[in-house]
Protein backbone atom coordinates (compact mmCIF):
# COMPACT_ATOMS: atom_id res chain seq x y z
CA MET A 1 2.61 10.68 23.13
CA LEU A 2 4.96 8.71 25.43
CA THR A 3 3.51 5.21 25.37
CA ILE A 4 4.60 2.24 23.34
CA GLN A 5 1.26 2.26 21.59
CA ASP A 6 1.69 5.94 20.56
CA LEU A 7 5.24 5.46 19.32
CA TYR A 8 5.50 2.03 17.55
CA ASP A 9 3.85 -0.31 15.11
CA LEU A 10 4.72 -3.65 16.99
CA SER A 11 4.24 -5.74 13.69
CA HIS A 12 7.91 -4.61 12.83
CA THR A 13 9.79 -6.21 15.72
CA MET A 14 10.49 -9.63 17.27
CA ALA A 15 9.98 -7.88 20.59
CA ALA A 16 6.17 -7.29 20.03
CA GLU A 17 4.83 -9.55 22.82
CA TYR A 18 7.56 -8.47 25.14
CA LEU A 19 6.75 -4.75 24.69
CA LYS A 20 3.10 -5.26 25.07
CA GLN A 21 3.76 -5.84 28.77
CA PHE A 22 4.71 -2.28 29.34
CA THR A 23 3.19 1.20 29.06
CA TYR A 24 6.29 3.32 28.42
CA PRO A 25 9.22 2.12 26.27
CA TRP A 26 11.89 2.69 28.89
CA GLU A 27 10.29 0.17 31.06
CA ALA A 28 11.43 -2.41 28.69
CA LEU A 29 15.16 -1.66 28.78
CA GLU A 30 15.73 -3.67 31.85
CA GLY A 31 14.95 -7.01 30.33
CA ILE A 32 16.44 -6.73 26.72
CA SER A 33 19.21 -9.12 27.33
CA GLU A 34 16.94 -11.82 28.80
CA LEU A 35 14.51 -11.34 26.11
CA ILE A 36 17.21 -11.94 23.38
CA LEU A 37 18.36 -15.09 25.06
CA ALA A 38 14.89 -16.50 25.13
CA LEU A 39 14.18 -15.50 21.51
CA GLY A 40 17.48 -16.79 20.28
CA LYS A 41 16.74 -20.45 21.56
CA GLN A 42 13.45 -20.39 19.54
CA LEU A 43 14.82 -19.27 16.24
CA PRO A 44 14.60 -21.61 13.35
CA GLU A 45 17.98 -23.28 12.59
CA ASP A 46 17.22 -23.23 8.85
CA GLN A 47 16.91 -19.38 9.00
CA TYR A 48 19.55 -18.37 11.73
CA THR A 49 23.02 -19.13 12.46
CA LEU A 50 24.88 -19.02 15.82
CA ILE A 51 27.86 -16.97 14.69
CA ASN A 52 29.29 -16.38 18.26
CA GLU A 53 28.31 -17.06 21.74
CA ASN A 54 24.64 -15.87 22.05
CA VAL A 55 24.83 -14.11 18.80
CA TRP A 56 22.34 -15.15 16.24
CA ALA A 57 22.30 -13.92 12.76
CA ALA A 58 19.84 -14.55 9.82
CA LYS A 59 21.68 -16.46 7.19
CA ASP A 60 21.62 -13.45 4.70
CA VAL A 61 23.16 -11.11 7.14
CA VAL A 62 26.27 -9.26 6.04
CA VAL A 63 28.86 -8.73 8.78
CA PHE A 64 32.02 -6.99 7.68
CA PRO A 65 35.18 -8.58 9.03
CA THR A 66 36.26 -5.60 11.09
CA ALA A 67 32.89 -5.52 13.10
CA TYR A 68 32.79 -6.69 16.64
CA ILE A 69 29.61 -8.26 18.04
CA LYS A 70 29.15 -9.36 21.68
CA GLY A 71 25.98 -11.33 22.74
CA PRO A 72 23.37 -11.52 23.50
CA CYS A 73 22.52 -10.20 20.05
CA ILE A 74 20.13 -11.07 17.28
CA LEU A 75 20.42 -9.72 13.69
CA GLY A 76 17.34 -9.86 11.46
CA PRO A 77 17.19 -10.88 7.83
CA GLY A 78 18.77 -8.47 5.34
CA THR A 79 20.64 -6.54 7.93
CA GLU A 80 24.18 -5.24 7.32
CA VAL A 81 26.84 -4.76 10.06
CA ARG A 82 29.44 -2.62 8.53
CA GLN A 83 33.18 -2.05 9.11
CA CYS A 84 34.27 -1.11 12.60
CA ALA A 85 30.80 -1.37 13.97
CA PHE A 86 30.81 -2.19 17.76
CA ILE A 87 27.92 -4.03 19.21
CA ARG A 88 28.41 -4.35 22.96
CA GLY A 89 25.69 -6.62 23.60
CA SER A 90 21.99 -6.65 24.48
CA ALA A 91 21.10 -5.63 20.92
CA LEU A 92 17.86 -6.84 19.23
CA VAL A 93 18.33 -5.73 15.48
CA GLY A 94 15.42 -6.20 13.29
CA ALA A 95 15.18 -7.02 9.57
CA ASN A 96 16.81 -4.93 6.82
CA CYS A 97 18.67 -2.66 9.39
CA VAL A 98 21.99 -0.92 8.79
CA VAL A 99 24.49 -0.77 11.65
CA GLY A 100 27.18 1.40 10.01
CA ASN A 101 30.76 2.23 10.10
CA SER A 102 32.09 2.87 13.71
CA THR A 103 28.45 2.77 15.04
CA GLU A 104 28.11 1.51 18.65
CA LEU A 105 25.11 -0.27 20.01
CA LYS A 106 24.38 -1.27 23.66
CA ASN A 107 21.12 -2.36 25.29
CA VAL A 108 18.85 -1.48 22.33
CA ILE A 109 15.84 -2.61 20.29
CA LEU A 110 15.89 -1.59 16.64
CA PHE A 111 12.75 -2.27 14.80
CA ASP A 112 12.79 -3.37 11.13
CA ASN A 113 14.45 -1.03 8.55
CA VAL A 114 16.25 1.19 11.08
CA GLN A 115 19.43 2.86 9.78
CA VAL A 116 22.16 3.91 12.12
CA PRO A 117 24.77 4.03 9.35
CA HIS A 118 27.70 6.34 10.29
CA TYR A 119 29.48 7.15 13.47
CA ASN A 120 26.35 6.72 15.74
CA TYR A 121 26.21 5.88 19.48
CA VAL A 122 22.89 4.29 20.42
CA GLY A 123 22.65 3.11 24.06
CA ASP A 124 19.67 2.22 26.24
CA SER A 125 17.33 3.15 23.43
CA ILE A 126 14.51 1.96 21.31
CA LEU A 127 14.27 3.01 17.65
CA GLY A 128 11.01 2.37 15.74
CA TYR A 129 10.29 1.19 12.23
CA LYS A 130 12.31 3.02 9.57
CA ALA A 131 13.87 5.38 11.97
CA HIS A 132 17.03 6.87 10.74
CA MET A 133 19.94 8.68 12.44
CA GLY A 134 22.21 10.92 10.41
CA ALA A 135 25.96 10.72 10.41
CA GLY A 136 27.46 11.48 13.86
CA SER A 137 24.07 11.73 15.70
CA ILE A 138 24.08 10.02 19.17
CA THR A 139 21.90 9.19 22.01
CA SER A 140 23.26 10.51 25.43
CA ASN A 141 22.17 7.89 27.98
CA VAL A 142 23.48 9.25 31.37
CA LYS A 143 22.97 12.71 32.90
CA SER A 144 26.11 14.66 33.70
CA ASP A 145 25.07 14.64 37.47
CA LYS A 146 24.28 10.86 37.26
CA ALA A 147 20.92 11.45 38.60
CA LEU A 148 17.89 9.25 37.64
CA VAL A 149 16.42 10.25 34.24
CA VAL A 150 13.15 12.03 34.03
CA VAL A 151 11.17 12.43 30.86
CA LYS A 152 9.87 15.93 30.57
CA ASP A 153 6.97 16.92 28.35
CA ARG A 154 6.17 20.56 29.13
CA ASP A 155 4.62 20.52 32.52
CA GLU A 156 4.53 16.76 32.78
CA ARG A 157 7.38 14.83 34.43
CA VAL A 158 7.60 11.10 34.26
CA GLU A 159 10.11 9.42 36.48
CA THR A 160 11.81 6.51 34.77
CA LYS A 161 13.73 5.32 37.95
CA ARG A 162 16.66 4.55 35.64
CA LYS A 163 20.06 6.02 35.67
CA LYS A 164 20.54 5.17 32.06
CA VAL A 165 17.97 6.03 29.40
CA GLY A 166 18.85 7.08 25.96
CA ALA A 167 16.23 8.01 23.29
CA MET A 168 12.89 6.59 22.32
CA LEU A 169 12.38 7.28 18.54
CA GLY A 170 8.95 6.58 17.05
CA ASP A 171 8.31 5.02 13.71
CA GLY A 172 9.68 7.04 10.79
CA VAL A 173 11.72 9.48 12.83
CA GLU A 174 14.63 11.30 11.08
CA ILE A 175 17.58 12.59 13.07
CA GLY A 176 19.74 15.23 11.44
CA CYS A 177 23.56 14.73 11.31
CA ASN A 178 25.68 15.43 14.44
CA SER A 179 22.63 15.83 16.70
CA VAL A 180 22.63 14.96 20.39
CA LEU A 181 19.56 13.38 21.87
CA ASN A 182 19.81 13.88 25.68
CA PRO A 183 18.74 11.31 28.20
CA GLY A 184 15.10 10.62 28.18
CA THR A 185 14.39 12.25 24.78
CA VAL A 186 11.14 10.95 23.22
CA ILE A 187 10.40 11.84 19.56
CA GLY A 188 6.97 11.08 18.12
CA ARG A 189 6.16 9.26 14.89
CA GLY A 190 7.16 10.93 11.64
CA SER A 191 9.05 13.73 13.41
CA SER A 192 12.44 15.10 12.38
CA VAL A 193 15.26 16.85 13.91
CA TYR A 194 17.45 19.48 12.29
CA PRO A 195 21.15 18.70 11.90
CA THR A 196 23.44 19.76 14.80
CA SER A 197 20.58 19.98 17.33
CA CYS A 198 20.71 19.36 21.12
CA VAL A 199 17.39 17.83 21.86
CA ARG A 200 15.71 17.20 25.13
CA GLY A 201 12.24 16.28 26.37
CA VAL A 202 9.34 15.14 24.07
CA VAL A 203 8.84 16.18 20.41
CA PRO A 204 5.22 15.42 19.35
CA ALA A 205 4.39 13.26 16.31
CA GLY A 206 4.43 14.97 12.95
CA CYS A 207 6.74 17.82 14.03
CA ILE A 208 10.12 19.34 13.18
CA TRP A 209 12.59 20.32 15.93
CA LYS A 210 14.78 23.26 14.69
CA ASN A 211 18.22 24.10 15.82
CA ASP A 212 17.15 26.75 18.42
CA GLY A 213 14.82 24.34 20.07
CA THR A 214 11.60 25.59 18.36
CA VAL A 215 9.09 22.82 17.50
CA VAL A 216 6.73 23.26 14.53
CA ARG A 217 4.00 21.21 12.95
CA ARG A 218 5.13 19.52 9.78
CA SER A 219 3.04 21.23 6.95
């Protein structure tokens, strides 16, 4: 349930060949910046525009005037970057995505059709195809004691060897409003999280995380 193969359909991201190198998604976080720079140089000039230093946007991308975008960054076709969005760099954003008002991105891969539309923080994370984060939901990417992040799946513990790891959301994941995804959270394909939840560890595919931490199979 933790591997890239388990979580993602790689046909929905420019990062497909890059991600195939790794077993676990957090292993890909280290090289996102270099990946974007390499991809950016290969983008067809008739489809993409260099709108800022190391920031490439498809020609139909809509960027609101109050948004701030720092490179390296790629914005795929049909994507919207709305008012007061803050892209801090190392953001590979797929096609038909929404980066909404006051949303902050840093060191992320967003697959196609991802929505982070209202007051979201997404850092050191990978969000799969059609993943959606409700208003105010965030990824917490650093532990309070600054220790290295460990992904915990019941009795299994996987060392990431990284101080900063946010959340790995599989394809079609729904995160309820004002939820916090603690460092190293992994949520399987098609699962959802109740609003105002505090999530940690691994949520299997096709499940629902309830407010009290109970996980049930989707009926």
